[in-house]
Protein backbone atom coordinates (compact mmCIF):
# COMPACT_ATOMS: atom_id res chain seq x y z
CA MET A 1 -47.75 -17.46 29.76
CA ASN A 2 -48.24 -21.17 30.27
CA THR A 3 -50.67 -21.62 33.19
CA LYS A 4 -49.24 -25.05 34.11
CA LEU A 5 -45.80 -23.45 34.54
CA THR A 6 -47.13 -20.59 36.67
CA THR A 7 -48.86 -23.01 39.03
CA ILE A 8 -45.59 -24.84 39.66
CA LEU A 9 -43.24 -21.80 39.78
CA PRO A 10 -44.05 -18.31 41.07
CA ARG A 11 -44.49 -15.69 38.33
CA SER A 12 -41.57 -13.57 39.67
CA LEU A 13 -39.18 -16.54 39.44
CA ILE A 14 -40.27 -17.23 35.85
CA SER A 15 -39.70 -13.55 34.96
CA THR A 16 -36.25 -13.65 36.54
CA LEU A 17 -35.30 -16.83 34.64
CA LEU A 18 -36.51 -15.35 31.34
CA LEU A 19 -34.54 -12.15 31.97
CA CYS A 20 -31.36 -14.12 32.75
CA ALA A 21 -31.76 -16.23 29.61
CA THR A 22 -32.30 -13.11 27.49
CA LEU A 23 -29.21 -11.39 28.92
CA ALA A 24 -27.08 -14.50 28.40
CA PHE A 25 -27.89 -14.53 24.69
CA ALA A 26 -27.72 -10.76 24.22
CA GLY A 27 -24.09 -10.36 25.37
CA ASP A 28 -21.10 -9.68 23.14
CA SER A 29 -20.30 -12.37 20.62
CA HIS A 30 -17.22 -14.28 21.59
CA PRO A 31 -14.52 -14.62 18.92
CA ASN A 32 -14.54 -18.42 19.24
CA ASP A 33 -18.27 -18.59 18.49
CA SER A 34 -18.71 -19.81 14.90
CA LYS A 35 -21.40 -17.16 14.34
CA ALA A 36 -19.33 -14.39 15.96
CA ASP A 37 -18.81 -11.08 14.23
CA VAL A 38 -15.14 -11.17 13.24
CA TRP A 39 -15.03 -7.36 13.41
CA TRP A 40 -16.24 -7.06 17.03
CA PRO A 41 -12.82 -6.18 18.54
CA VAL A 42 -12.16 -3.32 16.08
CA ARG A 43 -15.73 -1.96 15.74
CA PRO A 44 -15.06 0.71 18.41
CA PHE A 45 -12.75 2.47 15.92
CA ILE A 46 -15.53 3.06 13.36
CA GLY A 47 -16.24 6.78 13.07
CA ASN A 48 -14.46 10.11 12.81
CA TRP A 49 -11.81 11.22 15.27
CA GLU A 50 -9.70 14.30 16.01
CA GLY A 51 -6.92 14.94 18.44
CA ASP A 52 -3.61 16.37 19.50
CA VAL A 53 -0.38 14.76 18.37
CA SER A 54 3.11 15.23 19.80
CA GLY A 55 6.45 13.64 19.06
CA GLU A 56 9.50 13.85 16.82
CA PRO A 57 7.86 16.18 14.23
CA GLY A 58 6.65 18.49 17.04
CA ASN A 59 3.10 19.23 18.21
CA GLY A 60 0.10 19.27 15.94
CA LYS A 61 -3.48 18.29 15.23
CA ALA A 62 -4.71 15.02 13.75
CA GLU A 63 -7.89 13.86 12.01
CA ARG A 64 -8.74 10.23 11.35
CA SER A 65 -11.66 8.22 10.07
CA TYR A 66 -12.40 4.51 10.14
CA ALA A 67 -15.14 3.18 7.84
CA PHE A 68 -16.14 -0.17 6.38
CA ALA A 69 -15.24 -0.44 2.68
CA LEU A 70 -15.58 -2.83 -0.25
CA ARG A 71 -18.75 -4.63 0.90
CA ASP A 72 -17.61 -4.51 4.52
CA GLN A 73 -14.63 -6.76 3.80
CA PHE A 74 -12.16 -4.14 5.06
CA ILE A 75 -11.97 -1.10 7.29
CA GLN A 76 -10.50 1.90 5.51
CA VAL A 77 -8.42 4.26 7.63
CA THR A 78 -7.78 7.83 6.48
CA ASN A 79 -5.34 9.91 8.51
CA LYS A 80 -4.02 13.48 8.38
CA SER A 81 -1.67 15.13 10.88
CA VAL A 82 -0.73 18.81 10.58
CA TYR A 83 2.35 20.15 12.35
CA PRO A 84 2.59 23.95 12.13
CA PRO A 85 6.04 25.57 11.94
CA GLN A 86 7.73 25.35 15.36
CA GLU A 87 11.19 25.21 16.89
CA LYS A 88 11.37 21.43 16.51
CA ASN A 89 10.12 21.59 12.92
CA PRO A 90 10.68 25.12 11.48
CA LYS A 91 8.99 24.39 8.14
CA GLY A 92 6.13 22.40 9.66
CA GLU A 93 4.65 19.47 7.77
CA VAL A 94 1.47 17.73 6.74
CA HIS A 95 1.49 13.96 7.06
CA GLN A 96 -1.16 11.83 5.36
CA ASP A 97 -1.70 8.12 5.11
CA VAL A 98 -4.42 5.77 3.97
CA GLY A 99 -4.73 2.28 5.35
CA PHE A 100 -6.84 -0.84 5.40
CA ILE A 101 -7.55 -3.28 8.19
CA SER A 102 -8.31 -6.78 7.01
CA TYR A 103 -8.94 -10.05 8.78
CA ASP A 104 -6.63 -12.91 7.74
CA LYS A 105 -8.83 -15.98 8.23
CA ALA A 106 -5.95 -18.45 7.92
CA ALA A 107 -3.77 -16.66 10.50
CA LYS A 108 -6.85 -15.65 12.57
CA LYS A 109 -5.57 -12.13 13.09
CA PHE A 110 -6.10 -8.58 11.95
CA ILE A 111 -3.66 -7.05 9.47
CA LEU A 112 -3.16 -3.29 9.07
CA ARG A 113 -1.61 -1.92 5.88
CA GLN A 114 -0.71 1.77 5.66
CA PHE A 115 0.31 3.79 2.61
CA HIS A 116 2.14 6.98 3.60
CA VAL A 117 2.57 10.21 1.64
CA GLU A 118 6.34 9.87 2.17
CA GLY A 119 6.31 6.61 0.17
CA PHE A 120 6.48 4.16 3.09
CA VAL A 121 4.16 1.15 3.09
CA ASN A 122 3.80 -0.47 6.50
CA GLN A 123 2.22 -3.84 7.11
CA PHE A 124 1.33 -4.70 10.70
CA ALA A 125 -0.18 -7.78 12.32
CA LEU A 126 -2.18 -7.61 15.52
CA GLN A 127 0.24 -9.07 18.06
CA SER A 128 -2.06 -8.77 21.06
CA PHE A 129 -5.52 -7.63 22.03
CA ASP A 130 -6.42 -7.11 25.67
CA HIS A 131 -10.24 -7.02 25.76
CA GLU A 132 -10.37 -6.03 29.44
CA HIS A 133 -8.00 -3.06 29.05
CA ARG A 134 -9.14 -2.35 25.47
CA THR A 135 -5.59 -2.28 24.15
CA PHE A 136 -4.41 -3.31 20.69
CA VAL A 137 -0.74 -3.87 19.79
CA PHE A 138 0.15 -4.02 16.09
CA VAL A 139 3.76 -4.88 15.15
CA SER A 140 5.20 -4.49 11.66
CA THR A 141 5.76 -7.55 9.53
CA ALA A 142 7.10 -5.58 6.55
CA ILE A 143 8.03 -1.98 5.74
CA GLU A 144 8.65 -0.87 2.16
CA ASN A 145 11.04 1.93 1.15
CA ILE A 146 13.16 1.98 4.29
CA ALA A 147 16.53 0.42 5.12
CA PRO A 148 16.36 -3.29 6.04
CA GLY A 149 15.86 -4.17 9.69
CA TRP A 150 13.61 -1.29 10.74
CA ARG A 151 10.49 -2.19 12.73
CA ALA A 152 7.38 -0.26 13.73
CA ARG A 153 4.73 -0.70 16.40
CA GLU A 154 1.33 0.90 16.94
CA ILE A 155 -0.44 0.65 20.29
CA TYR A 156 -4.06 1.76 20.59
CA LYS A 157 -5.47 2.14 24.11
CA PHE A 158 -9.15 3.00 24.50
CA VAL A 159 -9.75 5.30 27.47
CA SER A 160 -13.51 5.29 26.83
CA ASN A 161 -15.88 4.60 23.92
CA ASP A 162 -15.13 8.08 22.60
CA GLU A 163 -11.42 8.41 23.33
CA PHE A 164 -8.24 6.48 22.55
CA ILE A 165 -4.49 7.05 22.62
CA GLU A 166 -2.28 5.88 19.78
CA THR A 167 1.45 5.44 20.41
CA PHE A 168 3.60 4.98 17.30
CA ALA A 169 7.13 3.66 17.88
CA LEU A 170 10.06 2.81 15.63
CA ALA A 171 13.08 0.56 16.17
CA ASN A 172 16.17 0.89 14.04
CA PRO A 173 18.03 -2.34 13.31
CA GLY A 174 19.17 -4.12 16.48
CA HIS A 175 17.52 -1.65 18.85
CA ASP A 176 14.38 -1.45 20.97
CA PHE A 177 11.28 0.54 20.09
CA VAL A 178 11.37 4.28 20.75
CA THR A 179 8.20 6.37 20.73
CA TYR A 180 8.02 8.54 17.62
CA SER A 181 4.62 10.12 18.27
CA GLU A 182 1.58 9.91 20.49
CA THR A 183 -1.90 11.03 19.50
CA HIS A 184 -4.81 11.51 21.86
CA PHE A 185 -8.00 11.05 19.81
CA HIS A 186 -11.58 12.04 20.66
CA ARG A 187 -14.60 10.94 18.66
CA ARG A 188 -15.94 13.76 16.50
CA ARG A 189 -19.71 14.16 16.78
């Protein structure tokens, strides 16, 4: 350490100032910072998840993974929900979809595209992100292979680093959103 500096300021004060400076630069990157990691808001999703799902198709189990793909230009989402035969759904069903999250630099927002086993293709844009409450709201901008006017919404609420709740809602033409399913995910270790 510089001896001239230590003669002017006590060593403990210098240590405190250095610690404060280090912490200031080590914090999360802010999205407005030109060097910021564009993926920082959605990085908590990366990994493998499992959980319980309930809703219109009944009760079931879900598995999901989020992983960077194509030279880290996208996040690939792979989802499978299994609903065993039950009163609400006597035949049961297996739902699968594959999706990609991209970052639209011109619009400065995340886009989620999902390709469903039933033939639907949903495109969502991130409508809001509440960093404090760790909540993401994606609203559909287009849905293929469904009657005109339908809308969809996905809300993701992180309860902790290893747990989030997804609420999927649909709105038929001229109506408000109604919850179709809710899945409570836990990170798989």
